[in-house]
PDB file of N, CA and C in Angstrom:
ATOM      1  N   MET A   1     -76.505  -4.135  -4.349  1.00  0.00           N
ATOM      2  CA  MET A   1     -77.414  -4.135  -3.131  1.00  0.00           C
ATOM      3  C   MET A   1     -78.007  -2.803  -2.860  1.00  0.00           C
ATOM      4  N   ALA A   2     -77.289  -1.665  -3.177  1.00  0.00           N
ATOM      5  CA  ALA A   2     -77.825  -0.437  -2.835  1.00  0.00           C
ATOM      6  C   ALA A   2     -78.972   0.006  -3.757  1.00  0.00           C
ATOM      7  N   SER A   3     -79.299  -0.701  -4.794  1.00  0.00           N
ATOM      8  CA  SER A   3     -80.338  -0.349  -5.615  1.00  0.00           C
ATOM      9  C   SER A   3     -81.697  -0.760  -5.092  1.00  0.00           C
ATOM     10  N   GLU A   4     -81.752  -1.734  -4.161  1.00  0.00           N
ATOM     11  CA  GLU A   4     -83.021  -2.152  -3.529  1.00  0.00           C
ATOM     12  C   GLU A   4     -83.508  -1.054  -2.552  1.00  0.00           C
ATOM     13  N   PRO A   5     -84.869  -1.029  -2.370  1.00  0.00           N
ATOM     14  CA  PRO A   5     -85.446  -0.121  -1.409  1.00  0.00           C
ATOM     15  C   PRO A   5     -85.085  -0.443   0.009  1.00  0.00           C
ATOM     16  N   GLU A   6     -84.947   0.621   0.881  1.00  0.00           N
ATOM     17  CA  GLU A   6     -84.546   0.405   2.286  1.00  0.00           C
ATOM     18  C   GLU A   6     -85.865  -0.099   2.985  1.00  0.00           C
ATOM     19  N   LEU A   7     -85.644  -1.138   3.817  1.00  0.00           N
ATOM     20  CA  LEU A   7     -86.667  -1.608   4.726  1.00  0.00           C
ATOM     21  C   LEU A   7     -86.507  -0.895   5.992  1.00  0.00           C
ATOM     22  N   LEU A   8     -85.262  -0.570   6.387  1.00  0.00           N
ATOM     23  CA  LEU A   8     -84.953   0.203   7.632  1.00  0.00           C
ATOM     24  C   LEU A   8     -83.539   0.852   7.494  1.00  0.00           C
ATOM     25  N   SER A   9     -83.527   2.037   7.953  1.00  0.00           N
ATOM     26  CA  SER A   9     -82.253   2.792   7.995  1.00  0.00           C
ATOM     27  C   SER A   9     -82.169   3.602   9.286  1.00  0.00           C
ATOM     28  N   THR A  10     -81.215   3.192  10.137  1.00  0.00           N
ATOM     29  CA  THR A  10     -81.142   3.897  11.453  1.00  0.00           C
ATOM     30  C   THR A  10     -79.659   3.880  11.850  1.00  0.00           C
ATOM     31  N   ARG A  11     -79.293   4.712  12.759  1.00  0.00           N
ATOM     32  CA  ARG A  11     -78.002   4.769  13.510  1.00  0.00           C
ATOM     33  C   ARG A  11     -78.066   3.573  14.395  1.00  0.00           C
ATOM     34  N   ALA A  12     -76.805   3.102  14.768  1.00  0.00           N
ATOM     35  CA  ALA A  12     -76.753   1.891  15.559  1.00  0.00           C
ATOM     36  C   ALA A  12     -75.419   1.916  16.323  1.00  0.00           C
ATOM     37  N   PHE A  13     -75.329   1.284  17.495  1.00  0.00           N
ATOM     38  CA  PHE A  13     -74.119   0.980  18.171  1.00  0.00           C
ATOM     39  C   PHE A  13     -73.699  -0.347  17.633  1.00  0.00           C
ATOM     40  N   VAL A  14     -72.351  -0.391  17.224  1.00  0.00           N
ATOM     41  CA  VAL A  14     -71.890  -1.638  16.431  1.00  0.00           C
ATOM     42  C   VAL A  14     -70.659  -2.115  17.285  1.00  0.00           C
ATOM     43  N   ARG A  15     -70.597  -3.443  17.469  1.00  0.00           N
ATOM     44  CA  ARG A  15     -69.349  -4.169  17.926  1.00  0.00           C
ATOM     45  C   ARG A  15     -69.054  -5.244  16.867  1.00  0.00           C
ATOM     46  N   VAL A  16     -67.775  -5.388  16.701  1.00  0.00           N
ATOM     47  CA  VAL A  16     -67.282  -6.404  15.697  1.00  0.00           C
ATOM     48  C   VAL A  16     -66.422  -7.438  16.490  1.00  0.00           C
ATOM     49  N   ARG A  17     -66.674  -8.676  16.236  1.00  0.00           N
ATOM     50  CA  ARG A  17     -65.885  -9.737  16.905  1.00  0.00           C
ATOM     51  C   ARG A  17     -64.462  -9.834  16.246  1.00  0.00           C
ATOM     52  N   ARG A  18     -63.439  -9.860  17.096  1.00  0.00           N
ATOM     53  CA  ARG A  18     -62.039 -10.028  16.704  1.00  0.00           C
ATOM     54  C   ARG A  18     -61.474 -11.297  17.150  1.00  0.00           C
ATOM     55  N   GLN A  19     -60.290 -11.577  17.004  1.00  0.00           N
ATOM     56  CA  GLN A  19     -59.602 -12.787  17.441  1.00  0.00           C
ATOM     57  C   GLN A  19     -59.764 -12.967  18.957  1.00  0.00           C
ATOM     58  N   ARG A  20     -59.677 -14.106  19.476  1.00  0.00           N
ATOM     59  CA  ARG A  20     -59.734 -14.509  20.860  1.00  0.00           C
ATOM     60  C   ARG A  20     -61.052 -14.080  21.521  1.00  0.00           C
ATOM     61  N   ASN A  21     -62.084 -14.066  20.678  1.00  0.00           N
ATOM     62  CA  ASN A  21     -63.529 -13.820  21.176  1.00  0.00           C
ATOM     63  C   ASN A  21     -63.647 -12.482  21.740  1.00  0.00           C
ATOM     64  N   THR A  22     -62.944 -11.562  21.357  1.00  0.00           N
ATOM     65  CA  THR A  22     -63.086 -10.123  21.844  1.00  0.00           C
ATOM     66  C   THR A  22     -63.882  -9.293  20.916  1.00  0.00           C
ATOM     67  N   TRP A  23     -64.666  -8.390  21.475  1.00  0.00           N
ATOM     68  CA  TRP A  23     -65.545  -7.488  20.731  1.00  0.00           C
ATOM     69  C   TRP A  23     -64.954  -6.101  20.739  1.00  0.00           C
ATOM     70  N   VAL A  24     -64.964  -5.422  19.574  1.00  0.00           N
ATOM     71  CA  VAL A  24     -64.332  -4.171  19.470  1.00  0.00           C
ATOM     72  C   VAL A  24     -65.469  -3.168  19.049  1.00  0.00           C
ATOM     73  N   ASN A  25     -65.640  -2.093  19.758  1.00  0.00           N
ATOM     74  CA  ASN A  25     -66.594  -1.111  19.426  1.00  0.00           C
ATOM     75  C   ASN A  25     -66.217  -0.268  18.263  1.00  0.00           C
ATOM     76  N   TRP A  26     -67.216  -0.028  17.300  1.00  0.00           N
ATOM     77  CA  TRP A  26     -66.975   1.009  16.314  1.00  0.00           C
ATOM     78  C   TRP A  26     -67.226   2.406  16.997  1.00  0.00           C
ATOM     79  N   ASN A  27     -66.559   3.365  16.582  1.00  0.00           N
ATOM     80  CA  ASN A  27     -66.730   4.679  17.274  1.00  0.00           C
ATOM     81  C   ASN A  27     -68.075   5.183  16.898  1.00  0.00           C
ATOM     82  N   HIS A  28     -68.950   5.393  17.989  1.00  0.00           N
ATOM     83  CA  HIS A  28     -70.338   5.825  17.824  1.00  0.00           C
ATOM     84  C   HIS A  28     -70.553   7.296  18.070  1.00  0.00           C
ATOM     85  N   ARG A  29     -69.381   8.092  18.190  1.00  0.00           N
ATOM     86  CA  ARG A  29     -69.479   9.458  18.453  1.00  0.00           C
ATOM     87  C   ARG A  29     -69.275  10.348  17.192  1.00  0.00           C
ATOM     88  N   LEU A  30     -68.411   9.753  16.182  1.00  0.00           N
ATOM     89  CA  LEU A  30     -68.063  10.546  15.005  1.00  0.00           C
ATOM     90  C   LEU A  30     -69.187  10.369  14.019  1.00  0.00           C
ATOM     91  N   SER A  31     -69.561  11.512  13.422  1.00  0.00           N
ATOM     92  CA  SER A  31     -70.588  11.651  12.353  1.00  0.00           C
ATOM     93  C   SER A  31     -71.914  10.954  12.730  1.00  0.00           C
ATOM     94  N   ARG A  32     -72.331  11.066  14.010  1.00  0.00           N
ATOM     95  CA  ARG A  32     -73.548  10.550  14.624  1.00  0.00           C
ATOM     96  C   ARG A  32     -73.604   9.029  14.658  1.00  0.00           C
ATOM     97  N   GLY A  33     -72.433   8.344  14.462  1.00  0.00           N
ATOM     98  CA  GLY A  33     -72.386   6.899  14.611  1.00  0.00           C
ATOM     99  C   GLY A  33     -72.639   6.210  13.354  1.00  0.00           C
ATOM    100  N   PRO A  34     -72.435   4.752  13.480  1.00  0.00           N
ATOM    101  CA  PRO A  34     -72.604   3.963  12.322  1.00  0.00           C
ATOM    102  C   PRO A  34     -74.028   3.908  11.867  1.00  0.00           C
ATOM    103  N   LEU A  35     -74.196   3.601  10.549  1.00  0.00           N
ATOM    104  CA  LEU A  35     -75.518   3.604   9.911  1.00  0.00           C
ATOM    105  C   LEU A  35     -75.786   2.127   9.580  1.00  0.00           C
ATOM    106  N   LEU A  36     -76.951   1.671   9.959  1.00  0.00           N
ATOM    107  CA  LEU A  36     -77.456   0.357   9.724  1.00  0.00           C
ATOM    108  C   LEU A  36     -78.587   0.531   8.672  1.00  0.00           C
ATOM    109  N   THR A  37     -78.349  -0.138   7.470  1.00  0.00           N
ATOM    110  CA  THR A  37     -79.339  -0.086   6.408  1.00  0.00           C
ATOM    111  C   THR A  37     -79.695  -1.546   6.011  1.00  0.00           C
ATOM    112  N   ILE A  38     -81.075  -1.836   6.072  1.00  0.00           N
ATOM    113  CA  ILE A  38     -81.527  -3.123   5.807  1.00  0.00           C
ATOM    114  C   ILE A  38     -82.358  -3.111   4.504  1.00  0.00           C
ATOM    115  N   ARG A  39     -81.972  -3.903   3.569  1.00  0.00           N
ATOM    116  CA  ARG A  39     -82.636  -3.994   2.296  1.00  0.00           C
ATOM    117  C   ARG A  39     -83.014  -5.379   2.038  1.00  0.00           C
ATOM    118  N   PRO A  40     -83.947  -5.646   1.107  1.00  0.00           N
ATOM    119  CA  PRO A  40     -84.294  -6.949   0.702  1.00  0.00           C
ATOM    120  C   PRO A  40     -82.960  -7.821   0.338  1.00  0.00           C
ATOM    121  N   GLY A  41     -82.742  -8.845   1.120  1.00  0.00           N
ATOM    122  CA  GLY A  41     -81.571  -9.681   0.756  1.00  0.00           C
ATOM    123  C   GLY A  41     -80.279  -9.280   1.324  1.00  0.00           C
ATOM    124  N   SER A  42     -80.164  -8.110   1.990  1.00  0.00           N
ATOM    125  CA  SER A  42     -78.851  -7.646   2.542  1.00  0.00           C
ATOM    126  C   SER A  42     -79.010  -6.774   3.738  1.00  0.00           C
ATOM    127  N   VAL A  43     -77.976  -6.610   4.543  1.00  0.00           N
ATOM    128  CA  VAL A  43     -77.739  -5.637   5.581  1.00  0.00           C
ATOM    129  C   VAL A  43     -76.438  -4.992   5.263  1.00  0.00           C
ATOM    130  N   GLU A  44     -76.399  -3.624   5.502  1.00  0.00           N
ATOM    131  CA  GLU A  44     -75.200  -2.844   5.367  1.00  0.00           C
ATOM    132  C   GLU A  44     -74.934  -2.068   6.591  1.00  0.00           C
ATOM    133  N   LEU A  45     -73.689  -2.055   6.975  1.00  0.00           N
ATOM    134  CA  LEU A  45     -73.157  -1.230   8.046  1.00  0.00           C
ATOM    135  C   LEU A  45     -72.110  -0.269   7.505  1.00  0.00           C
ATOM    136  N   SER A  46     -72.201   0.894   7.880  1.00  0.00           N
ATOM    137  CA  SER A  46     -71.193   1.865   7.374  1.00  0.00           C
ATOM    138  C   SER A  46     -70.894   2.840   8.437  1.00  0.00           C
ATOM    139  N   ALA A  47     -69.673   3.299   8.615  1.00  0.00           N
ATOM    140  CA  ALA A  47     -69.275   4.228   9.514  1.00  0.00           C
ATOM    141  C   ALA A  47     -68.117   5.102   8.888  1.00  0.00           C
ATOM    142  N   PRO A  48     -68.286   6.454   8.824  1.00  0.00           N
ATOM    143  CA  PRO A  48     -67.190   7.146   8.208  1.00  0.00           C
ATOM    144  C   PRO A  48     -65.800   6.946   8.803  1.00  0.00           C
ATOM    145  N   GLN A  49     -65.846   6.812  10.296  1.00  0.00           N
ATOM    146  CA  GLN A  49     -64.548   6.457  10.793  1.00  0.00           C
ATOM    147  C   GLN A  49     -64.866   5.392  11.861  1.00  0.00           C
ATOM    148  N   GLY A  50     -64.370   4.269  11.693  1.00  0.00           N
ATOM    149  CA  GLY A  50     -64.488   3.094  12.680  1.00  0.00           C
ATOM    150  C   GLY A  50     -63.182   3.111  13.583  1.00  0.00           C
ATOM    151  N   THR A  51     -62.878   1.898  14.007  1.00  0.00           N
ATOM    152  CA  THR A  51     -61.665   1.770  14.820  1.00  0.00           C
ATOM    153  C   THR A  51     -60.475   2.108  13.902  1.00  0.00           C
ATOM    154  N   MET A  52     -59.475   2.665  14.493  1.00  0.00           N
ATOM    155  CA  MET A  52     -58.314   3.036  13.784  1.00  0.00           C
ATOM    156  C   MET A  52     -58.425   4.218  12.711  1.00  0.00           C
ATOM    157  N   LEU A  53     -59.479   4.888  12.933  1.00  0.00           N
ATOM    158  CA  LEU A  53     -59.773   6.089  12.201  1.00  0.00           C
ATOM    159  C   LEU A  53     -59.864   5.826  10.662  1.00  0.00           C
ATOM    160  N   GLU A  54     -60.369   4.610  10.326  1.00  0.00           N
ATOM    161  CA  GLU A  54     -60.672   4.347   8.902  1.00  0.00           C
ATOM    162  C   GLU A  54     -62.048   4.106   8.682  1.00  0.00           C
ATOM    163  N   SER A  55     -62.534   4.307   7.490  1.00  0.00           N
ATOM    164  CA  SER A  55     -63.956   4.123   7.126  1.00  0.00           C
ATOM    165  C   SER A  55     -64.223   2.567   7.151  1.00  0.00           C
ATOM    166  N   ARG A  56     -65.439   2.298   7.594  1.00  0.00           N
ATOM    167  CA  ARG A  56     -65.884   0.927   7.725  1.00  0.00           C
ATOM    168  C   ARG A  56     -67.136   0.735   6.875  1.00  0.00           C
ATOM    169  N   ASN A  57     -67.171  -0.268   6.065  1.00  0.00           N
ATOM    170  CA  ASN A  57     -68.387  -0.638   5.339  1.00  0.00           C
ATOM    171  C   ASN A  57     -68.369  -2.177   5.246  1.00  0.00           C
ATOM    172  N   ILE A  58     -69.586  -2.641   5.715  1.00  0.00           N
ATOM    173  CA  ILE A  58     -69.761  -4.098   5.689  1.00  0.00           C
ATOM    174  C   ILE A  58     -71.049  -4.328   5.084  1.00  0.00           C
ATOM    175  N   ALA A  59     -71.142  -5.339   4.104  1.00  0.00           N
ATOM    176  CA  ALA A  59     -72.448  -5.707   3.398  1.00  0.00           C
ATOM    177  C   ALA A  59     -72.527  -7.190   3.559  1.00  0.00           C
ATOM    178  N   LEU A  60     -73.666  -7.637   4.096  1.00  0.00           N
ATOM    179  CA  LEU A  60     -73.822  -9.114   4.209  1.00  0.00           C
ATOM    180  C   LEU A  60     -75.122  -9.555   3.578  1.00  0.00           C
ATOM    181  N   SER A  61     -75.155 -10.628   2.932  1.00  0.00           N
ATOM    182  CA  SER A  61     -76.219 -11.186   2.228  1.00  0.00           C
ATOM    183  C   SER A  61     -77.057 -12.040   3.207  1.00  0.00           C
ATOM    184  N   SER A  62     -78.367 -11.991   2.981  1.00  0.00           N
ATOM    185  CA  SER A  62     -79.262 -12.850   3.769  1.00  0.00           C
ATOM    186  C   SER A  62     -79.038 -14.285   3.442  1.00  0.00           C
ATOM    187  N   GLU A  63     -78.631 -14.634   2.273  1.00  0.00           N
ATOM    188  CA  GLU A  63     -78.450 -15.976   1.821  1.00  0.00           C
ATOM    189  C   GLU A  63     -77.404 -16.670   2.577  1.00  0.00           C
ATOM    190  N   THR A  64     -76.357 -15.995   3.078  1.00  0.00           N
ATOM    191  CA  THR A  64     -75.209 -16.574   3.633  1.00  0.00           C
ATOM    192  C   THR A  64     -74.913 -16.129   5.101  1.00  0.00           C
ATOM    193  N   SER A  65     -75.900 -15.416   5.736  1.00  0.00           N
ATOM    194  CA  SER A  65     -75.749 -14.964   7.057  1.00  0.00           C
ATOM    195  C   SER A  65     -76.873 -15.428   7.948  1.00  0.00           C
ATOM    196  N   THR A  66     -76.601 -15.349   9.252  1.00  0.00           N
ATOM    197  CA  THR A  66     -77.619 -15.735  10.214  1.00  0.00           C
ATOM    198  C   THR A  66     -77.697 -14.636  11.178  1.00  0.00           C
ATOM    199  N   MET A  67     -78.807 -14.619  12.048  1.00  0.00           N
ATOM    200  CA  MET A  67     -78.916 -13.625  13.067  1.00  0.00           C
ATOM    201  C   MET A  67     -79.466 -14.285  14.331  1.00  0.00           C
ATOM    202  N   GLN A  68     -79.108 -13.675  15.476  1.00  0.00           N
ATOM    203  CA  GLN A  68     -79.700 -14.142  16.683  1.00  0.00           C
ATOM    204  C   GLN A  68     -79.695 -12.965  17.725  1.00  0.00           C
ATOM    205  N   ARG A  69     -80.496 -13.085  18.751  1.00  0.00           N
ATOM    206  CA  ARG A  69     -80.564 -12.016  19.834  1.00  0.00           C
ATOM    207  C   ARG A  69     -79.508 -12.419  20.796  1.00  0.00           C
ATOM    208  N   ASP A  70     -78.870 -11.350  21.429  1.00  0.00           N
ATOM    209  CA  ASP A  70     -77.805 -11.686  22.353  1.00  0.00           C
ATOM    210  C   ASP A  70     -77.594 -10.362  23.232  1.00  0.00           C
ATOM    211  N   ALA A  71     -76.678 -10.533  24.169  1.00  0.00           N
ATOM    212  CA  ALA A  71     -76.173  -9.394  24.946  1.00  0.00           C
ATOM    213  C   ALA A  71     -74.673  -9.486  24.927  1.00  0.00           C
ATOM    214  N   VAL A  72     -74.070  -8.565  24.334  1.00  0.00           N
ATOM    215  CA  VAL A  72     -72.622  -8.582  24.180  1.00  0.00           C
ATOM    216  C   VAL A  72     -71.903  -7.475  24.983  1.00  0.00           C
ATOM    217  N   GLY A  73     -70.885  -7.718  25.590  1.00  0.00           N
ATOM    218  CA  GLY A  73     -70.174  -6.759  26.369  1.00  0.00           C
ATOM    219  C   GLY A  73     -68.861  -6.424  25.767  1.00  0.00           C
ATOM    220  N   TRP A  74     -68.221  -5.362  26.361  1.00  0.00           N
ATOM    221  CA  TRP A  74     -66.973  -4.818  25.811  1.00  0.00           C
ATOM    222  C   TRP A  74     -65.898  -5.918  25.924  1.00  0.00           C
ATOM    223  N   ALA A  75     -65.150  -6.158  24.843  1.00  0.00           N
ATOM    224  CA  ALA A  75     -64.042  -7.108  24.772  1.00  0.00           C
ATOM    225  C   ALA A  75     -64.417  -8.563  25.292  1.00  0.00           C
ATOM    226  N   GLY A  76     -65.765  -8.833  25.172  1.00  0.00           N
ATOM    227  CA  GLY A  76     -66.129 -10.208  25.474  1.00  0.00           C
ATOM    228  C   GLY A  76     -66.444 -10.354  26.960  1.00  0.00           C
ATOM    229  N   THR A  77     -66.395  -9.293  27.745  1.00  0.00           N
ATOM    230  CA  THR A  77     -66.702  -9.269  29.116  1.00  0.00           C
ATOM    231  C   THR A  77     -68.120  -8.872  29.472  1.00  0.00           C
ATOM    232  N   ALA A  78     -68.611  -8.899  30.628  1.00  0.00           N
ATOM    233  CA  ALA A  78     -69.898  -8.396  30.988  1.00  0.00           C
ATOM    234  C   ALA A  78     -70.002  -6.852  31.118  1.00  0.00           C
ATOM    235  N   PHE A  79     -68.832  -6.181  31.117  1.00  0.00           N
ATOM    236  CA  PHE A  79     -68.761  -4.744  31.256  1.00  0.00           C
ATOM    237  C   PHE A  79     -69.371  -4.055  30.002  1.00  0.00           C
ATOM    238  N   GLY A  80     -70.303  -3.210  30.161  1.00  0.00           N
ATOM    239  CA  GLY A  80     -70.966  -2.472  29.018  1.00  0.00           C
ATOM    240  C   GLY A  80     -71.825  -3.366  28.203  1.00  0.00           C
ATOM    241  N   ARG A  81     -72.335  -4.448  28.836  1.00  0.00           N
ATOM    242  CA  ARG A  81     -73.145  -5.347  27.986  1.00  0.00           C
ATOM    243  C   ARG A  81     -74.365  -4.730  27.462  1.00  0.00           C
ATOM    244  N   ARG A  82     -74.804  -4.974  26.216  1.00  0.00           N
ATOM    245  CA  ARG A  82     -75.894  -4.339  25.566  1.00  0.00           C
ATOM    246  C   ARG A  82     -76.716  -5.434  24.860  1.00  0.00           C
ATOM    247  N   GLN A  83     -78.043  -5.302  24.867  1.00  0.00           N
ATOM    248  CA  GLN A  83     -78.889  -6.226  24.114  1.00  0.00           C
ATOM    249  C   GLN A  83     -78.673  -5.824  22.659  1.00  0.00           C
ATOM    250  N   CYS A  84     -78.615  -6.884  21.794  1.00  0.00           N
ATOM    251  CA  CYS A  84     -78.235  -6.611  20.402  1.00  0.00           C
ATOM    252  C   CYS A  84     -78.783  -7.767  19.545  1.00  0.00           C
ATOM    253  N   ILE A  85     -78.652  -7.543  18.302  1.00  0.00           N
ATOM    254  CA  ILE A  85     -78.842  -8.558  17.218  1.00  0.00           C
ATOM    255  C   ILE A  85     -77.418  -8.896  16.724  1.00  0.00           C
ATOM    256  N   ARG A  86     -77.055 -10.196  16.907  1.00  0.00           N
ATOM    257  CA  ARG A  86     -75.736 -10.554  16.397  1.00  0.00           C
ATOM    258  C   ARG A  86     -75.969 -11.168  15.018  1.00  0.00           C
ATOM    259  N   ILE A  87     -75.234 -10.651  14.047  1.00  0.00           N
ATOM    260  CA  ILE A  87     -75.255 -11.217  12.677  1.00  0.00           C
ATOM    261  C   ILE A  87     -73.911 -11.776  12.274  1.00  0.00           C
ATOM    262  N   SER A  88     -74.000 -12.994  11.799  1.00  0.00           N
ATOM    263  CA  SER A  88     -72.818 -13.762  11.398  1.00  0.00           C
ATOM    264  C   SER A  88     -72.874 -14.054   9.859  1.00  0.00           C
ATOM    265  N   GLY A  89     -71.804 -13.714   9.213  1.00  0.00           N
ATOM    266  CA  GLY A  89     -71.772 -14.007   7.712  1.00  0.00           C
ATOM    267  C   GLY A  89     -70.376 -13.772   7.234  1.00  0.00           C
ATOM    268  N   SER A  90     -70.220 -13.474   5.988  1.00  0.00           N
ATOM    269  CA  SER A  90     -68.948 -13.187   5.310  1.00  0.00           C
ATOM    270  C   SER A  90     -69.086 -12.017   4.354  1.00  0.00           C
ATOM    271  N   ASP A  91     -68.008 -11.353   4.215  1.00  0.00           N
ATOM    272  CA  ASP A  91     -67.977 -10.271   3.188  1.00  0.00           C
ATOM    273  C   ASP A  91     -66.709 -10.552   2.378  1.00  0.00           C
ATOM    274  N   ASP A  92     -66.255  -9.504   1.651  1.00  0.00           N
ATOM    275  CA  ASP A  92     -65.000  -9.748   0.810  1.00  0.00           C
ATOM    276  C   ASP A  92     -63.710  -9.892   1.641  1.00  0.00           C
ATOM    277  N   GLN A  93     -63.889  -9.654   2.883  1.00  0.00           N
ATOM    278  CA  GLN A  93     -62.669  -9.810   3.757  1.00  0.00           C
ATOM    279  C   GLN A  93     -62.677 -11.145   4.447  1.00  0.00           C
ATOM    280  N   GLY A  94     -63.775 -11.976   4.404  1.00  0.00           N
ATOM    281  CA  GLY A  94     -63.831 -13.273   5.020  1.00  0.00           C
ATOM    282  C   GLY A  94     -65.031 -13.255   5.998  1.00  0.00           C
ATOM    283  N   SER A  95     -64.981 -14.243   6.958  1.00  0.00           N
ATOM    284  CA  SER A  95     -65.978 -14.357   8.010  1.00  0.00           C
ATOM    285  C   SER A  95     -66.062 -13.151   8.836  1.00  0.00           C
ATOM    286  N   ILE A  96     -67.223 -12.785   9.340  1.00  0.00           N
ATOM    287  CA  ILE A  96     -67.399 -11.507  10.126  1.00  0.00           C
ATOM    288  C   ILE A  96     -68.559 -11.769  10.963  1.00  0.00           C
ATOM    289  N   GLU A  97     -68.481 -11.184  12.238  1.00  0.00           N
ATOM    290  CA  GLU A  97     -69.614 -11.230  13.109  1.00  0.00           C
ATOM    291  C   GLU A  97     -69.726  -9.881  13.789  1.00  0.00           C
ATOM    292  N   VAL A  98     -70.867  -9.375  13.614  1.00  0.00           N
ATOM    293  CA  VAL A  98     -71.240  -8.055  14.240  1.00  0.00           C
ATOM    294  C   VAL A  98     -72.386  -8.090  15.242  1.00  0.00           C
ATOM    295  N   ALA A  99     -72.324  -7.283  16.294  1.00  0.00           N
ATOM    296  CA  ALA A  99     -73.434  -7.112  17.289  1.00  0.00           C
ATOM    297  C   ALA A  99     -73.891  -5.696  17.082  1.00  0.00           C
ATOM    298  N   VAL A 100     -75.256  -5.630  16.758  1.00  0.00           N
ATOM    299  CA  VAL A 100     -75.842  -4.313  16.413  1.00  0.00           C
ATOM    300  C   VAL A 100     -76.971  -3.932  17.379  1.00  0.00           C
ATOM    301  N   THR A 101     -76.974  -2.746  17.992  1.00  0.00           N
ATOM    302  CA  THR A 101     -77.911  -2.274  18.820  1.00  0.00           C
ATOM    303  C   THR A 101     -78.521  -1.034  18.056  1.00  0.00           C
ATOM    304  N   PRO A 102     -79.660  -1.157  17.394  1.00  0.00           N
ATOM    305  CA  PRO A 102     -80.198  -0.058  16.566  1.00  0.00           C
ATOM    306  C   PRO A 102     -80.898   1.041  17.398  1.00  0.00           C
ATOM    307  N   GLU A 103     -80.770   2.246  17.063  1.00  0.00           N
ATOM    308  CA  GLU A 103     -81.469   3.236  17.692  1.00  0.00           C
ATOM    309  C   GLU A 103     -83.024   3.153  17.554  1.00  0.00           C
ATOM    310  N   SER A 104     -83.391   2.593  16.494  1.00  0.00           N
ATOM    311  CA  SER A 104     -84.774   2.360  16.256  1.00  0.00           C
ATOM    312  C   SER A 104     -85.491   1.263  17.064  1.00  0.00           C
ATOM    313  N   GLY A 105     -84.560   0.464  17.798  1.00  0.00           N
ATOM    314  CA  GLY A 105     -85.102  -0.615  18.668  1.00  0.00           C
ATOM    315  C   GLY A 105     -84.813  -1.971  18.025  1.00  0.00           C
ATOM    316  N   LEU A 106     -84.731  -2.905  18.947  1.00  0.00           N
ATOM    317  CA  LEU A 106     -84.343  -4.265  18.534  1.00  0.00           C
ATOM    318  C   LEU A 106     -85.519  -4.926  17.713  1.00  0.00           C
ATOM    319  N   GLU A 107     -86.775  -4.634  18.144  1.00  0.00           N
ATOM    320  CA  GLU A 107     -87.884  -5.270  17.434  1.00  0.00           C
ATOM    321  C   GLU A 107     -88.075  -4.857  16.013  1.00  0.00           C
ATOM    322  N   ALA A 108     -87.948  -3.559  15.885  1.00  0.00           N
ATOM    323  CA  ALA A 108     -88.091  -2.968  14.448  1.00  0.00           C
ATOM    324  C   ALA A 108     -86.968  -3.543  13.536  1.00  0.00           C
ATOM    325  N   ALA A 109     -85.731  -3.588  14.054  1.00  0.00           N
ATOM    326  CA  ALA A 109     -84.640  -4.190  13.233  1.00  0.00           C
ATOM    327  C   ALA A 109     -84.792  -5.592  13.018  1.00  0.00           C
ATOM    328  N   TRP A 110     -85.173  -6.374  14.015  1.00  0.00           N
ATOM    329  CA  TRP A 110     -85.359  -7.837  13.882  1.00  0.00           C
ATOM    330  C   TRP A 110     -86.450  -8.114  12.762  1.00  0.00           C
ATOM    331  N   GLN A 111     -87.572  -7.401  12.783  1.00  0.00           N
ATOM    332  CA  GLN A 111     -88.624  -7.614  11.824  1.00  0.00           C
ATOM    333  C   GLN A 111     -88.119  -7.202  10.408  1.00  0.00           C
ATOM    334  N   ALA A 112     -87.370  -6.068  10.361  1.00  0.00           N
ATOM    335  CA  ALA A 112     -86.801  -5.697   8.953  1.00  0.00           C
ATOM    336  C   ALA A 112     -85.811  -6.752   8.510  1.00  0.00           C
ATOM    337  N   LEU A 113     -85.030  -7.281   9.325  1.00  0.00           N
ATOM    338  CA  LEU A 113     -84.081  -8.386   8.986  1.00  0.00           C
ATOM    339  C   LEU A 113     -84.837  -9.620   8.493  1.00  0.00           C
ATOM    340  N   THR A 114     -85.872  -9.976   9.189  1.00  0.00           N
ATOM    341  CA  THR A 114     -86.684 -11.120   8.834  1.00  0.00           C
ATOM    342  C   THR A 114     -87.285 -10.855   7.519  1.00  0.00           C
ATOM    343  N   ASN A 115     -87.841  -9.653   7.272  1.00  0.00           N
ATOM    344  CA  ASN A 115     -88.454  -9.378   5.974  1.00  0.00           C
ATOM    345  C   ASN A 115     -87.439  -9.335   4.876  1.00  0.00           C
ATOM    346  N   ALA A 116     -86.191  -9.067   5.201  1.00  0.00           N
ATOM    347  CA  ALA A 116     -85.079  -9.124   4.265  1.00  0.00           C
ATOM    348  C   ALA A 116     -84.598 -10.507   3.938  1.00  0.00           C
ATOM    349  N   GLY A 117     -85.069 -11.466   4.673  1.00  0.00           N
ATOM    350  CA  GLY A 117     -84.725 -12.794   4.341  1.00  0.00           C
ATOM    351  C   GLY A 117     -83.679 -13.432   5.297  1.00  0.00           C
ATOM    352  N   PHE A 118     -83.301 -12.752   6.400  1.00  0.00           N
ATOM    353  CA  PHE A 118     -82.310 -13.233   7.338  1.00  0.00           C
ATOM    354  C   PHE A 118     -83.120 -14.317   8.201  1.00  0.00           C
ATOM    355  N   GLN A 119     -82.328 -15.348   8.547  1.00  0.00           N
ATOM    356  CA  GLN A 119     -82.905 -16.529   9.347  1.00  0.00           C
ATOM    357  C   GLN A 119     -82.384 -16.332  10.716  1.00  0.00           C
ATOM    358  N   GLY A 120     -83.308 -16.594  11.698  1.00  0.00           N
ATOM    359  CA  GLY A 120     -82.941 -16.609  13.128  1.00  0.00           C
ATOM    360  C   GLY A 120     -82.490 -18.029  13.489  1.00  0.00           C
ATOM    361  N   PRO A 121     -82.287 -18.239  14.789  1.00  0.00           N
ATOM    362  CA  PRO A 121     -81.782 -19.545  15.249  1.00  0.00           C
ATOM    363  C   PRO A 121     -82.592 -20.752  14.912  1.00  0.00           C
ATOM    364  N   SER A 122     -83.926 -20.537  14.881  1.00  0.00           N
ATOM    365  CA  SER A 122     -84.819 -21.692  14.563  1.00  0.00           C
ATOM    366  C   SER A 122     -84.910 -21.869  13.013  1.00  0.00           C
ATOM    367  N   GLY A 123     -84.343 -21.033  12.165  1.00  0.00           N
ATOM    368  CA  GLY A 123     -84.364 -21.296  10.759  1.00  0.00           C
ATOM    369  C   GLY A 123     -85.616 -20.667  10.164  1.00  0.00           C
TER     370      GLY A 123
END
């Protein structure tokens, strides 16, 4: 996937859905925060140190993932709710759902994801 040209590369605020419908924040203070990279056919999220001080790298294919606009709060509550793009798919660890709020703005990221082949709710 990394050999394809970048459609968008930006820092982002990232939350990952865990068991019992809770959302966990990736650390956005270390190394300037997670990096969102959108390429034709894929989206990549990477953070030098995510939760539990381990590196995080997620790559999702547009063929097996969907996206939608949403507002997600901390741990599934209304507290700290942010407008985001929610991407659902699977990686080598299994099913995964991420909520991404890009520094470049939601519209630019939505357009890049659409150009990369991701489908929104209406298909």
